[in-house]
Amino acid sequence: MIRVFTPLNFALAGLAALATLAGVLLIPADRQVPVRWGLDGSVTATAPKLLGLLQMPVAIAVVWLLFWAIGRYGNAERDAVRARTLSIALPILMGVMAAVQVLIVVSGR
């Protein structure tokens, strides 16, 4: 079984939620926040504050839903290997998305 609802996953989602809240409170309303960076680290796209801050929480929710659906409705014959792989991949994806959210808030300020 895929471990979707683990303390680590909740901690990473909480980190992204705290970063989002900090961005809402600290970034001025008329400011554009970066949402995409080039390989050299330069900002290549910006978005309005609220749209830019909401993209990662929505992405985290979609990823959780996809992983839960795969665990619930996936092929039972491949369960052991699939569950182990996906249980490792989910915190990595969430960690990357939480880090991007923190980067958006820090860069937007």
PDB file of N, CA and C in Angstrom:
ATOM      1  N   MET A   1       0.834  -1.178   0.000  1.00  0.00           N
ATOM      2  CA  MET A   1       0.000   0.000   0.000  1.00  0.00           C
ATOM      3  C   MET A   1       0.885   1.250   0.000  1.00  0.00           C
ATOM      4  N   ILE A   2       0.516   2.212  -0.823  1.00  0.00           N
ATOM      5  CA  ILE A   2       1.269   3.459  -0.901  1.00  0.00           C
ATOM      6  C   ILE A   2       0.996   4.276   0.354  1.00  0.00           C
ATOM      7  N   ARG A   3       2.068   4.745   0.971  1.00  0.00           N
ATOM      8  CA  ARG A   3       1.916   5.572   2.175  1.00  0.00           C
ATOM      9  C   ARG A   3       1.830   7.034   1.762  1.00  0.00           C
ATOM     10  N   VAL A   4       0.596   7.497   1.596  1.00  0.00           N
ATOM     11  CA  VAL A   4       0.367   8.876   1.177  1.00  0.00           C
ATOM     12  C   VAL A   4       0.309   9.798   2.384  1.00  0.00           C
ATOM     13  N   PHE A   5      -0.372   9.371   3.412  1.00  0.00           N
ATOM     14  CA  PHE A   5      -0.615  10.223   4.576  1.00  0.00           C
ATOM     15  C   PHE A   5       0.376   9.880   5.687  1.00  0.00           C
ATOM     16  N   THR A   6       1.630  10.305   5.500  1.00  0.00           N
ATOM     17  CA  THR A   6       2.681  10.066   6.488  1.00  0.00           C
ATOM     18  C   THR A   6       3.047  11.383   7.164  1.00  0.00           C
ATOM     19  N   PRO A   7       3.685  11.318   8.322  1.00  0.00           N
ATOM     20  CA  PRO A   7       4.098  12.560   8.993  1.00  0.00           C
ATOM     21  C   PRO A   7       5.025  13.422   8.139  1.00  0.00           C
ATOM     22  N   LEU A   8       5.915  12.807   7.382  1.00  0.00           N
ATOM     23  CA  LEU A   8       6.821  13.577   6.524  1.00  0.00           C
ATOM     24  C   LEU A   8       6.037  14.319   5.439  1.00  0.00           C
ATOM     25  N   ASN A   9       5.083  13.643   4.813  1.00  0.00           N
ATOM     26  CA  ASN A   9       4.274  14.292   3.780  1.00  0.00           C
ATOM     27  C   ASN A   9       3.448  15.434   4.361  1.00  0.00           C
ATOM     28  N   PHE A  10       2.900  15.227   5.555  1.00  0.00           N
ATOM     29  CA  PHE A  10       2.142  16.300   6.201  1.00  0.00           C
ATOM     30  C   PHE A  10       3.056  17.471   6.562  1.00  0.00           C
ATOM     31  N   ALA A  11       4.280  17.181   6.993  1.00  0.00           N
ATOM     32  CA  ALA A  11       5.224  18.247   7.338  1.00  0.00           C
ATOM     33  C   ALA A  11       5.595  19.060   6.098  1.00  0.00           C
ATOM     34  N   LEU A  12       5.816  18.385   4.977  1.00  0.00           N
ATOM     35  CA  LEU A  12       6.150  19.105   3.749  1.00  0.00           C
ATOM     36  C   LEU A  12       4.965  19.929   3.241  1.00  0.00           C
ATOM     37  N   ALA A  13       3.767  19.381   3.351  1.00  0.00           N
ATOM     38  CA  ALA A  13       2.577  20.149   2.966  1.00  0.00           C
ATOM     39  C   ALA A  13       2.393  21.341   3.905  1.00  0.00           C
ATOM     40  N   GLY A  14       2.677  21.154   5.185  1.00  0.00           N
ATOM     41  CA  GLY A  14       2.596  22.257   6.146  1.00  0.00           C
ATOM     42  C   GLY A  14       3.621  23.336   5.850  1.00  0.00           C
ATOM     43  N   LEU A  15       4.823  22.939   5.447  1.00  0.00           N
ATOM     44  CA  LEU A  15       5.847  23.907   5.067  1.00  0.00           C
ATOM     45  C   LEU A  15       5.381  24.743   3.877  1.00  0.00           C
ATOM     46  N   ALA A  16       4.802  24.085   2.885  1.00  0.00           N
ATOM     47  CA  ALA A  16       4.289  24.813   1.718  1.00  0.00           C
ATOM     48  C   ALA A  16       3.139  25.734   2.121  1.00  0.00           C
ATOM     49  N   ALA A  17       2.280  25.276   3.024  1.00  0.00           N
ATOM     50  CA  ALA A  17       1.160  26.117   3.484  1.00  0.00           C
ATOM     51  C   ALA A  17       1.669  27.326   4.259  1.00  0.00           C
ATOM     52  N   LEU A  18       2.669  27.126   5.108  1.00  0.00           N
ATOM     53  CA  LEU A  18       3.251  28.255   5.849  1.00  0.00           C
ATOM     54  C   LEU A  18       3.936  29.243   4.915  1.00  0.00           C
ATOM     55  N   ALA A  19       4.625  28.730   3.906  1.00  0.00           N
ATOM     56  CA  ALA A  19       5.263  29.621   2.936  1.00  0.00           C
ATOM     57  C   ALA A  19       4.211  30.417   2.166  1.00  0.00           C
ATOM     58  N   THR A  20       3.100  29.759   1.823  1.00  0.00           N
ATOM     59  CA  THR A  20       2.024  30.453   1.123  1.00  0.00           C
ATOM     60  C   THR A  20       1.437  31.547   1.998  1.00  0.00           C
ATOM     61  N   LEU A  21       1.185  31.231   3.252  1.00  0.00           N
ATOM     62  CA  LEU A  21       0.645  32.231   4.181  1.00  0.00           C
ATOM     63  C   LEU A  21       1.616  33.393   4.356  1.00  0.00           C
ATOM     64  N   ALA A  22       2.895  33.086   4.484  1.00  0.00           N
ATOM     65  CA  ALA A  22       3.898  34.152   4.608  1.00  0.00           C
ATOM     66  C   ALA A  22       3.917  35.024   3.364  1.00  0.00           C
ATOM     67  N   GLY A  23       3.780  34.412   2.204  1.00  0.00           N
ATOM     68  CA  GLY A  23       3.750  35.188   0.970  1.00  0.00           C
ATOM     69  C   GLY A  23       2.537  36.097   0.887  1.00  0.00           C
ATOM     70  N   VAL A  24       1.386  35.585   1.308  1.00  0.00           N
ATOM     71  CA  VAL A  24       0.168  36.398   1.286  1.00  0.00           C
ATOM     72  C   VAL A  24       0.315  37.594   2.219  1.00  0.00           C
ATOM     73  N   LEU A  25       0.934  37.382   3.364  1.00  0.00           N
ATOM     74  CA  LEU A  25       1.058  38.456   4.344  1.00  0.00           C
ATOM     75  C   LEU A  25       2.203  39.419   4.052  1.00  0.00           C
ATOM     76  N   LEU A  26       3.293  38.940   3.479  1.00  0.00           N
ATOM     77  CA  LEU A  26       4.496  39.770   3.343  1.00  0.00           C
ATOM     78  C   LEU A  26       4.678  40.422   1.968  1.00  0.00           C
ATOM     79  N   ILE A  27       4.130  39.824   0.931  1.00  0.00           N
ATOM     80  CA  ILE A  27       4.334  40.365  -0.410  1.00  0.00           C
ATOM     81  C   ILE A  27       3.248  41.396  -0.692  1.00  0.00           C
ATOM     82  N   PRO A  28       3.615  42.565  -1.173  1.00  0.00           N
ATOM     83  CA  PRO A  28       2.604  43.583  -1.500  1.00  0.00           C
ATOM     84  C   PRO A  28       1.622  43.075  -2.571  1.00  0.00           C
ATOM     85  N   ALA A  29       0.386  43.575  -2.512  1.00  0.00           N
ATOM     86  CA  ALA A  29      -0.696  43.070  -3.370  1.00  0.00           C
ATOM     87  C   ALA A  29      -0.446  43.298  -4.852  1.00  0.00           C
ATOM     88  N   ASP A  30       0.235  44.368  -5.221  1.00  0.00           N
ATOM     89  CA  ASP A  30       0.426  44.679  -6.635  1.00  0.00           C
ATOM     90  C   ASP A  30       1.696  44.063  -7.225  1.00  0.00           C
ATOM     91  N   ARG A  31       2.416  43.295  -6.460  1.00  0.00           N
ATOM     92  CA  ARG A  31       3.696  42.736  -6.891  1.00  0.00           C
ATOM     93  C   ARG A  31       3.491  41.485  -7.749  1.00  0.00           C
ATOM     94  N   GLN A  32       4.330  41.339  -8.750  1.00  0.00           N
ATOM     95  CA  GLN A  32       4.400  40.123  -9.557  1.00  0.00           C
ATOM     96  C   GLN A  32       5.419  39.191  -8.894  1.00  0.00           C
ATOM     97  N   VAL A  33       5.094  37.906  -8.800  1.00  0.00           N
ATOM     98  CA  VAL A  33       6.024  36.939  -8.210  1.00  0.00           C
ATOM     99  C   VAL A  33       6.576  36.037  -9.306  1.00  0.00           C
ATOM    100  N   PRO A  34       7.828  35.612  -9.176  1.00  0.00           N
ATOM    101  CA  PRO A  34       8.398  34.725 -10.187  1.00  0.00           C
ATOM    102  C   PRO A  34       7.758  33.338 -10.107  1.00  0.00           C
ATOM    103  N   VAL A  35       7.488  32.754 -11.258  1.00  0.00           N
ATOM    104  CA  VAL A  35       6.911  31.414 -11.280  1.00  0.00           C
ATOM    105  C   VAL A  35       7.719  30.442 -12.136  1.00  0.00           C
ATOM    106  N   ARG A  36       8.724  30.952 -12.845  1.00  0.00           N
ATOM    107  CA  ARG A  36       9.565  30.075 -13.654  1.00  0.00           C
ATOM    108  C   ARG A  36      10.950  30.696 -13.749  1.00  0.00           C
ATOM    109  N   TRP A  37      11.960  29.828 -13.660  1.00  0.00           N
ATOM    110  CA  TRP A  37      13.345  30.265 -13.717  1.00  0.00           C
ATOM    111  C   TRP A  37      14.060  29.509 -14.829  1.00  0.00           C
ATOM    112  N   GLY A  38      15.043  30.162 -15.418  1.00  0.00           N
ATOM    113  CA  GLY A  38      15.873  29.515 -16.427  1.00  0.00           C
ATOM    114  C   GLY A  38      16.957  28.674 -15.774  1.00  0.00           C
ATOM    115  N   LEU A  39      17.701  27.963 -16.588  1.00  0.00           N
ATOM    116  CA  LEU A  39      18.784  27.127 -16.065  1.00  0.00           C
ATOM    117  C   LEU A  39      19.873  27.946 -15.386  1.00  0.00           C
ATOM    118  N   ASP A  40      20.009  29.203 -15.790  1.00  0.00           N
ATOM    119  CA  ASP A  40      21.014  30.065 -15.169  1.00  0.00           C
ATOM    120  C   ASP A  40      20.495  30.746 -13.904  1.00  0.00           C
ATOM    121  N   GLY A  41      19.251  30.487 -13.525  1.00  0.00           N
ATOM    122  CA  GLY A  41      18.685  31.053 -12.307  1.00  0.00           C
ATOM    123  C   GLY A  41      17.950  32.357 -12.505  1.00  0.00           C
ATOM    124  N   SER A  42      17.908  32.851 -13.724  1.00  0.00           N
ATOM    125  CA  SER A  42      17.200  34.102 -13.977  1.00  0.00           C
ATOM    126  C   SER A  42      15.698  33.836 -14.127  1.00  0.00           C
ATOM    127  N   VAL A  43      14.905  34.793 -13.697  1.00  0.00           N
ATOM    128  CA  VAL A  43      13.450  34.662 -13.766  1.00  0.00           C
ATOM    129  C   VAL A  43      13.013  34.792 -15.217  1.00  0.00           C
ATOM    130  N   THR A  44      12.227  33.822 -15.696  1.00  0.00           N
ATOM    131  CA  THR A  44      11.759  33.848 -17.082  1.00  0.00           C
ATOM    132  C   THR A  44      10.257  34.111 -17.189  1.00  0.00           C
ATOM    133  N   ALA A  45       9.533  34.009 -16.080  1.00  0.00           N
ATOM    134  CA  ALA A  45       8.088  34.296 -16.111  1.00  0.00           C
ATOM    135  C   ALA A  45       7.631  34.730 -14.722  1.00  0.00           C
ATOM    136  N   THR A  46       6.677  35.650 -14.712  1.00  0.00           N
ATOM    137  CA  THR A  46       6.080  36.097 -13.458  1.00  0.00           C
ATOM    138  C   THR A  46       4.572  35.984 -13.562  1.00  0.00           C
ATOM    139  N   ALA A  47       3.908  36.063 -12.413  1.00  0.00           N
ATOM    140  CA  ALA A  47       2.445  36.003 -12.345  1.00  0.00           C
ATOM    141  C   ALA A  47       1.983  36.930 -11.223  1.00  0.00           C
ATOM    142  N   PRO A  48       0.707  37.313 -11.259  1.00  0.00           N
ATOM    143  CA  PRO A  48       0.182  38.098 -10.130  1.00  0.00           C
ATOM    144  C   PRO A  48       0.353  37.331  -8.818  1.00  0.00           C
ATOM    145  N   LYS A  49       0.430  38.061  -7.740  1.00  0.00           N
ATOM    146  CA  LYS A  49       0.746  37.502  -6.421  1.00  0.00           C
ATOM    147  C   LYS A  49      -0.089  36.274  -6.069  1.00  0.00           C
ATOM    148  N   LEU A  50      -1.407  36.395  -6.076  1.00  0.00           N
ATOM    149  CA  LEU A  50      -2.239  35.282  -5.629  1.00  0.00           C
ATOM    150  C   LEU A  50      -2.157  34.076  -6.554  1.00  0.00           C
ATOM    151  N   LEU A  51      -2.132  34.307  -7.858  1.00  0.00           N
ATOM    152  CA  LEU A  51      -2.014  33.196  -8.801  1.00  0.00           C
ATOM    153  C   LEU A  51      -0.681  32.481  -8.628  1.00  0.00           C
ATOM    154  N   GLY A  52       0.382  33.247  -8.490  1.00  0.00           N
ATOM    155  CA  GLY A  52       1.706  32.660  -8.295  1.00  0.00           C
ATOM    156  C   GLY A  52       1.830  31.889  -6.996  1.00  0.00           C
ATOM    157  N   LEU A  53       1.183  32.394  -5.943  1.00  0.00           N
ATOM    158  CA  LEU A  53       1.279  31.715  -4.644  1.00  0.00           C
ATOM    159  C   LEU A  53       0.385  30.483  -4.555  1.00  0.00           C
ATOM    160  N   LEU A  54      -0.660  30.412  -5.334  1.00  0.00           N
ATOM    161  CA  LEU A  54      -1.579  29.276  -5.248  1.00  0.00           C
ATOM    162  C   LEU A  54      -1.187  28.092  -6.119  1.00  0.00           C
ATOM    163  N   GLN A  55      -0.256  28.271  -7.034  1.00  0.00           N
ATOM    164  CA  GLN A  55       0.051  27.178  -7.945  1.00  0.00           C
ATOM    165  C   GLN A  55       0.675  25.962  -7.250  1.00  0.00           C
ATOM    166  N   MET A  56       1.573  26.146  -6.307  1.00  0.00           N
ATOM    167  CA  MET A  56       2.196  24.998  -5.647  1.00  0.00           C
ATOM    168  C   MET A  56       1.243  24.267  -4.704  1.00  0.00           C
ATOM    169  N   PRO A  57       0.438  24.952  -3.880  1.00  0.00           N
ATOM    170  CA  PRO A  57      -0.525  24.209  -3.061  1.00  0.00           C
ATOM    171  C   PRO A  57      -1.507  23.387  -3.901  1.00  0.00           C
ATOM    172  N   VAL A  58      -1.931  23.936  -5.029  1.00  0.00           N
ATOM    173  CA  VAL A  58      -2.823  23.180  -5.916  1.00  0.00           C
ATOM    174  C   VAL A  58      -2.082  21.980  -6.502  1.00  0.00           C
ATOM    175  N   ALA A  59      -0.838  22.164  -6.903  1.00  0.00           N
ATOM    176  CA  ALA A  59      -0.046  21.059  -7.447  1.00  0.00           C
ATOM    177  C   ALA A  59       0.165  19.971  -6.402  1.00  0.00           C
ATOM    178  N   ILE A  60       0.417  20.349  -5.157  1.00  0.00           N
ATOM    179  CA  ILE A  60       0.582  19.366  -4.091  1.00  0.00           C
ATOM    180  C   ILE A  60      -0.706  18.577  -3.883  1.00  0.00           C
ATOM    181  N   ALA A  61      -1.846  19.252  -3.887  1.00  0.00           N
ATOM    182  CA  ALA A  61      -3.129  18.564  -3.726  1.00  0.00           C
ATOM    183  C   ALA A  61      -3.389  17.599  -4.878  1.00  0.00           C
ATOM    184  N   VAL A  62      -3.058  18.002  -6.093  1.00  0.00           N
ATOM    185  CA  VAL A  62      -3.262  17.127  -7.255  1.00  0.00           C
ATOM    186  C   VAL A  62      -2.347  15.903  -7.177  1.00  0.00           C
ATOM    187  N   VAL A  63      -1.101  16.107  -6.788  1.00  0.00           N
ATOM    188  CA  VAL A  63      -0.168  14.975  -6.670  1.00  0.00           C
ATOM    189  C   VAL A  63      -0.638  14.007  -5.593  1.00  0.00           C
ATOM    190  N   TRP A  64      -1.081  14.523  -4.436  1.00  0.00           N
ATOM    191  CA  TRP A  64      -1.610  13.642  -3.391  1.00  0.00           C
ATOM    192  C   TRP A  64      -2.798  12.848  -3.908  1.00  0.00           C
ATOM    193  N   LEU A  65      -3.701  13.501  -4.629  1.00  0.00           N
ATOM    194  CA  LEU A  65      -4.867  12.825  -5.171  1.00  0.00           C
ATOM    195  C   LEU A  65      -4.472  11.744  -6.169  1.00  0.00           C
ATOM    196  N   LEU A  66      -3.521  12.037  -7.040  1.00  0.00           N
ATOM    197  CA  LEU A  66      -3.053  11.041  -8.007  1.00  0.00           C
ATOM    198  C   LEU A  66      -2.409   9.843  -7.317  1.00  0.00           C
ATOM    199  N   PHE A  67      -1.566  10.091  -6.336  1.00  0.00           N
ATOM    200  CA  PHE A  67      -0.910   8.986  -5.638  1.00  0.00           C
ATOM    201  C   PHE A  67      -1.929   8.156  -4.860  1.00  0.00           C
ATOM    202  N   TRP A  68      -2.906   8.814  -4.254  1.00  0.00           N
ATOM    203  CA  TRP A  68      -3.948   8.070  -3.543  1.00  0.00           C
ATOM    204  C   TRP A  68      -4.743   7.213  -4.532  1.00  0.00           C
ATOM    205  N   ALA A  69      -5.105   7.770  -5.694  1.00  0.00           N
ATOM    206  CA  ALA A  69      -5.876   7.027  -6.691  1.00  0.00           C
ATOM    207  C   ALA A  69      -5.087   5.844  -7.235  1.00  0.00           C
ATOM    208  N   ILE A  70      -3.798   6.031  -7.460  1.00  0.00           N
ATOM    209  CA  ILE A  70      -2.964   4.915  -7.920  1.00  0.00           C
ATOM    210  C   ILE A  70      -2.933   3.821  -6.867  1.00  0.00           C
ATOM    211  N   GLY A  71      -2.791   4.192  -5.614  1.00  0.00           N
ATOM    212  CA  GLY A  71      -2.792   3.197  -4.545  1.00  0.00           C
ATOM    213  C   GLY A  71      -4.127   2.498  -4.380  1.00  0.00           C
ATOM    214  N   ARG A  72      -5.200   3.226  -4.592  1.00  0.00           N
ATOM    215  CA  ARG A  72      -6.541   2.675  -4.401  1.00  0.00           C
ATOM    216  C   ARG A  72      -6.997   1.828  -5.578  1.00  0.00           C
ATOM    217  N   TYR A  73      -6.734   2.296  -6.797  1.00  0.00           N
ATOM    218  CA  TYR A  73      -7.281   1.648  -7.984  1.00  0.00           C
ATOM    219  C   TYR A  73      -6.217   1.015  -8.881  1.00  0.00           C
ATOM    220  N   GLY A  74      -4.966   1.004  -8.453  1.00  0.00           N
ATOM    221  CA  GLY A  74      -3.885   0.467  -9.282  1.00  0.00           C
ATOM    222  C   GLY A  74      -3.916  -1.043  -9.377  1.00  0.00           C
ATOM    223  N   ASN A  75      -3.048  -1.589 -10.196  1.00  0.00           N
ATOM    224  CA  ASN A  75      -2.939  -3.018 -10.438  1.00  0.00           C
ATOM    225  C   ASN A  75      -2.404  -3.711  -9.190  1.00  0.00           C
ATOM    226  N   ALA A  76      -3.166  -4.621  -8.640  1.00  0.00           N
ATOM    227  CA  ALA A  76      -2.783  -5.303  -7.396  1.00  0.00           C
ATOM    228  C   ALA A  76      -1.625  -6.272  -7.595  1.00  0.00           C
ATOM    229  N   GLU A  77      -1.389  -6.750  -8.822  1.00  0.00           N
ATOM    230  CA  GLU A  77      -0.303  -7.703  -9.070  1.00  0.00           C
ATOM    231  C   GLU A  77       1.072  -7.069  -8.891  1.00  0.00           C
ATOM    232  N   ARG A  78       1.176  -5.777  -9.118  1.00  0.00           N
ATOM    233  CA  ARG A  78       2.450  -5.085  -8.978  1.00  0.00           C
ATOM    234  C   ARG A  78       2.507  -4.271  -7.695  1.00  0.00           C
ATOM    235  N   ASP A  79       1.741  -4.634  -6.727  1.00  0.00           N
ATOM    236  CA  ASP A  79       1.551  -3.794  -5.555  1.00  0.00           C
ATOM    237  C   ASP A  79       2.822  -3.540  -4.751  1.00  0.00           C
ATOM    238  N   ALA A  80       3.616  -4.560  -4.468  1.00  0.00           N
ATOM    239  CA  ALA A  80       4.761  -4.388  -3.569  1.00  0.00           C
ATOM    240  C   ALA A  80       5.807  -3.425  -4.134  1.00  0.00           C
ATOM    241  N   VAL A  81       6.224  -3.641  -5.366  1.00  0.00           N
ATOM    242  CA  VAL A  81       7.252  -2.794  -5.966  1.00  0.00           C
ATOM    243  C   VAL A  81       6.701  -1.393  -6.214  1.00  0.00           C
ATOM    244  N   ARG A  82       5.485  -1.316  -6.724  1.00  0.00           N
ATOM    245  CA  ARG A  82       4.865  -0.023  -7.013  1.00  0.00           C
ATOM    246  C   ARG A  82       4.695   0.798  -5.748  1.00  0.00           C
ATOM    247  N   ALA A  83       4.221   0.166  -4.693  1.00  0.00           N
ATOM    248  CA  ALA A  83       3.986   0.896  -3.444  1.00  0.00           C
ATOM    249  C   ALA A  83       5.295   1.423  -2.867  1.00  0.00           C
ATOM    250  N   ARG A  84       6.328   0.626  -2.908  1.00  0.00           N
ATOM    251  CA  ARG A  84       7.619   1.064  -2.367  1.00  0.00           C
ATOM    252  C   ARG A  84       8.174   2.241  -3.165  1.00  0.00           C
ATOM    253  N   THR A  85       8.118   2.133  -4.485  1.00  0.00           N
ATOM    254  CA  THR A  85       8.633   3.194  -5.346  1.00  0.00           C
ATOM    255  C   THR A  85       7.844   4.483  -5.169  1.00  0.00           C
ATOM    256  N   LEU A  86       6.533   4.385  -5.168  1.00  0.00           N
ATOM    257  CA  LEU A  86       5.709   5.583  -5.045  1.00  0.00           C
ATOM    258  C   LEU A  86       5.782   6.180  -3.645  1.00  0.00           C
ATOM    259  N   SER A  87       5.973   5.344  -2.628  1.00  0.00           N
ATOM    260  CA  SER A  87       6.109   5.867  -1.269  1.00  0.00           C
ATOM    261  C   SER A  87       7.409   6.643  -1.093  1.00  0.00           C
ATOM    262  N   ILE A  88       8.399   6.336  -1.919  1.00  0.00           N
ATOM    263  CA  ILE A  88       9.655   7.097  -1.900  1.00  0.00           C
ATOM    264  C   ILE A  88       9.529   8.351  -2.766  1.00  0.00           C
ATOM    265  N   ALA A  89       8.832   8.236  -3.882  1.00  0.00           N
ATOM    266  CA  ALA A  89       8.732   9.352  -4.833  1.00  0.00           C
ATOM    267  C   ALA A  89       7.877  10.494  -4.298  1.00  0.00           C
ATOM    268  N   LEU A  90       6.826  10.185  -3.544  1.00  0.00           N
ATOM    269  CA  LEU A  90       5.915  11.232  -3.084  1.00  0.00           C
ATOM    270  C   LEU A  90       6.603  12.274  -2.195  1.00  0.00           C
ATOM    271  N   PRO A  91       7.351  11.895  -1.167  1.00  0.00           N
ATOM    272  CA  PRO A  91       8.025  12.937  -0.363  1.00  0.00           C
ATOM    273  C   PRO A  91       9.058  13.728  -1.161  1.00  0.00           C
ATOM    274  N   ILE A  92       9.687  13.092  -2.141  1.00  0.00           N
ATOM    275  CA  ILE A  92      10.653  13.818  -2.963  1.00  0.00           C
ATOM    276  C   ILE A  92       9.939  14.884  -3.785  1.00  0.00           C
ATOM    277  N   LEU A  93       8.833  14.512  -4.433  1.00  0.00           N
ATOM    278  CA  LEU A  93       8.056  15.491  -5.209  1.00  0.00           C
ATOM    279  C   LEU A  93       7.529  16.612  -4.325  1.00  0.00           C
ATOM    280  N   MET A  94       7.022  16.248  -3.162  1.00  0.00           N
ATOM    281  CA  MET A  94       6.485  17.264  -2.259  1.00  0.00           C
ATOM    282  C   MET A  94       7.582  18.178  -1.746  1.00  0.00           C
ATOM    283  N   GLY A  95       8.752  17.626  -1.481  1.00  0.00           N
ATOM    284  CA  GLY A  95       9.879  18.444  -1.036  1.00  0.00           C
ATOM    285  C   GLY A  95      10.295  19.449  -2.096  1.00  0.00           C
ATOM    286  N   VAL A  96      10.323  19.014  -3.353  1.00  0.00           N
ATOM    287  CA  VAL A  96      10.662  19.928  -4.445  1.00  0.00           C
ATOM    288  C   VAL A  96       9.609  21.022  -4.561  1.00  0.00           C
ATOM    289  N   MET A  97       8.334  20.640  -4.486  1.00  0.00           N
ATOM    290  CA  MET A  97       7.269  21.643  -4.612  1.00  0.00           C
ATOM    291  C   MET A  97       7.269  22.613  -3.426  1.00  0.00           C
ATOM    292  N   ALA A  98       7.538  22.124  -2.223  1.00  0.00           N
ATOM    293  CA  ALA A  98       7.618  23.015  -1.061  1.00  0.00           C
ATOM    294  C   ALA A  98       8.810  23.958  -1.201  1.00  0.00           C
ATOM    295  N   ALA A  99       9.930  23.453  -1.715  1.00  0.00           N
ATOM    296  CA  ALA A  99      11.103  24.309  -1.921  1.00  0.00           C
ATOM    297  C   ALA A  99      10.826  25.380  -2.968  1.00  0.00           C
ATOM    298  N   VAL A 100      10.117  25.029  -4.024  1.00  0.00           N
ATOM    299  CA  VAL A 100       9.764  26.018  -5.041  1.00  0.00           C
ATOM    300  C   VAL A 100       8.850  27.076  -4.454  1.00  0.00           C
ATOM    301  N   GLN A 101       7.912  26.653  -3.600  1.00  0.00           N
ATOM    302  CA  GLN A 101       7.011  27.626  -2.968  1.00  0.00           C
ATOM    303  C   GLN A 101       7.789  28.603  -2.091  1.00  0.00           C
ATOM    304  N   VAL A 102       8.728  28.091  -1.316  1.00  0.00           N
ATOM    305  CA  VAL A 102       9.575  28.962  -0.495  1.00  0.00           C
ATOM    306  C   VAL A 102      10.384  29.902  -1.388  1.00  0.00           C
ATOM    307  N   LEU A 103      10.906  29.407  -2.496  1.00  0.00           N
ATOM    308  CA  LEU A 103      11.663  30.229  -3.428  1.00  0.00           C
ATOM    309  C   LEU A 103      10.788  31.327  -4.041  1.00  0.00           C
ATOM    310  N   ILE A 104       9.539  30.986  -4.364  1.00  0.00           N
ATOM    311  CA  ILE A 104       8.618  31.994  -4.903  1.00  0.00           C
ATOM    312  C   ILE A 104       8.413  33.116  -3.882  1.00  0.00           C
ATOM    313  N   VAL A 105       8.209  32.758  -2.625  1.00  0.00           N
ATOM    314  CA  VAL A 105       7.967  33.767  -1.590  1.00  0.00           C
ATOM    315  C   VAL A 105       9.216  34.605  -1.358  1.00  0.00           C
ATOM    316  N   VAL A 106      10.365  33.978  -1.267  1.00  0.00           N
ATOM    317  CA  VAL A 106      11.597  34.724  -1.011  1.00  0.00           C
ATOM    318  C   VAL A 106      11.935  35.630  -2.204  1.00  0.00           C
ATOM    319  N   SER A 107      11.745  35.156  -3.409  1.00  0.00           N
ATOM    320  CA  SER A 107      12.058  35.944  -4.606  1.00  0.00           C
ATOM    321  C   SER A 107      11.023  37.064  -4.824  1.00  0.00           C
ATOM    322  N   GLY A 108       9.786  36.816  -4.409  1.00  0.00           N
ATOM    323  CA  GLY A 108       8.750  37.811  -4.623  1.00  0.00           C
ATOM    324  C   GLY A 108       8.795  38.961  -3.656  1.00  0.00           C
ATOM    325  N   ARG A 109       9.475  38.799  -2.572  1.00  0.00           N
ATOM    326  CA  ARG A 109       9.552  39.830  -1.539  1.00  0.00           C
ATOM    327  C   ARG A 109      10.532  40.852  -1.957  1.00  0.00           C
TER     328      ARG A 109
END
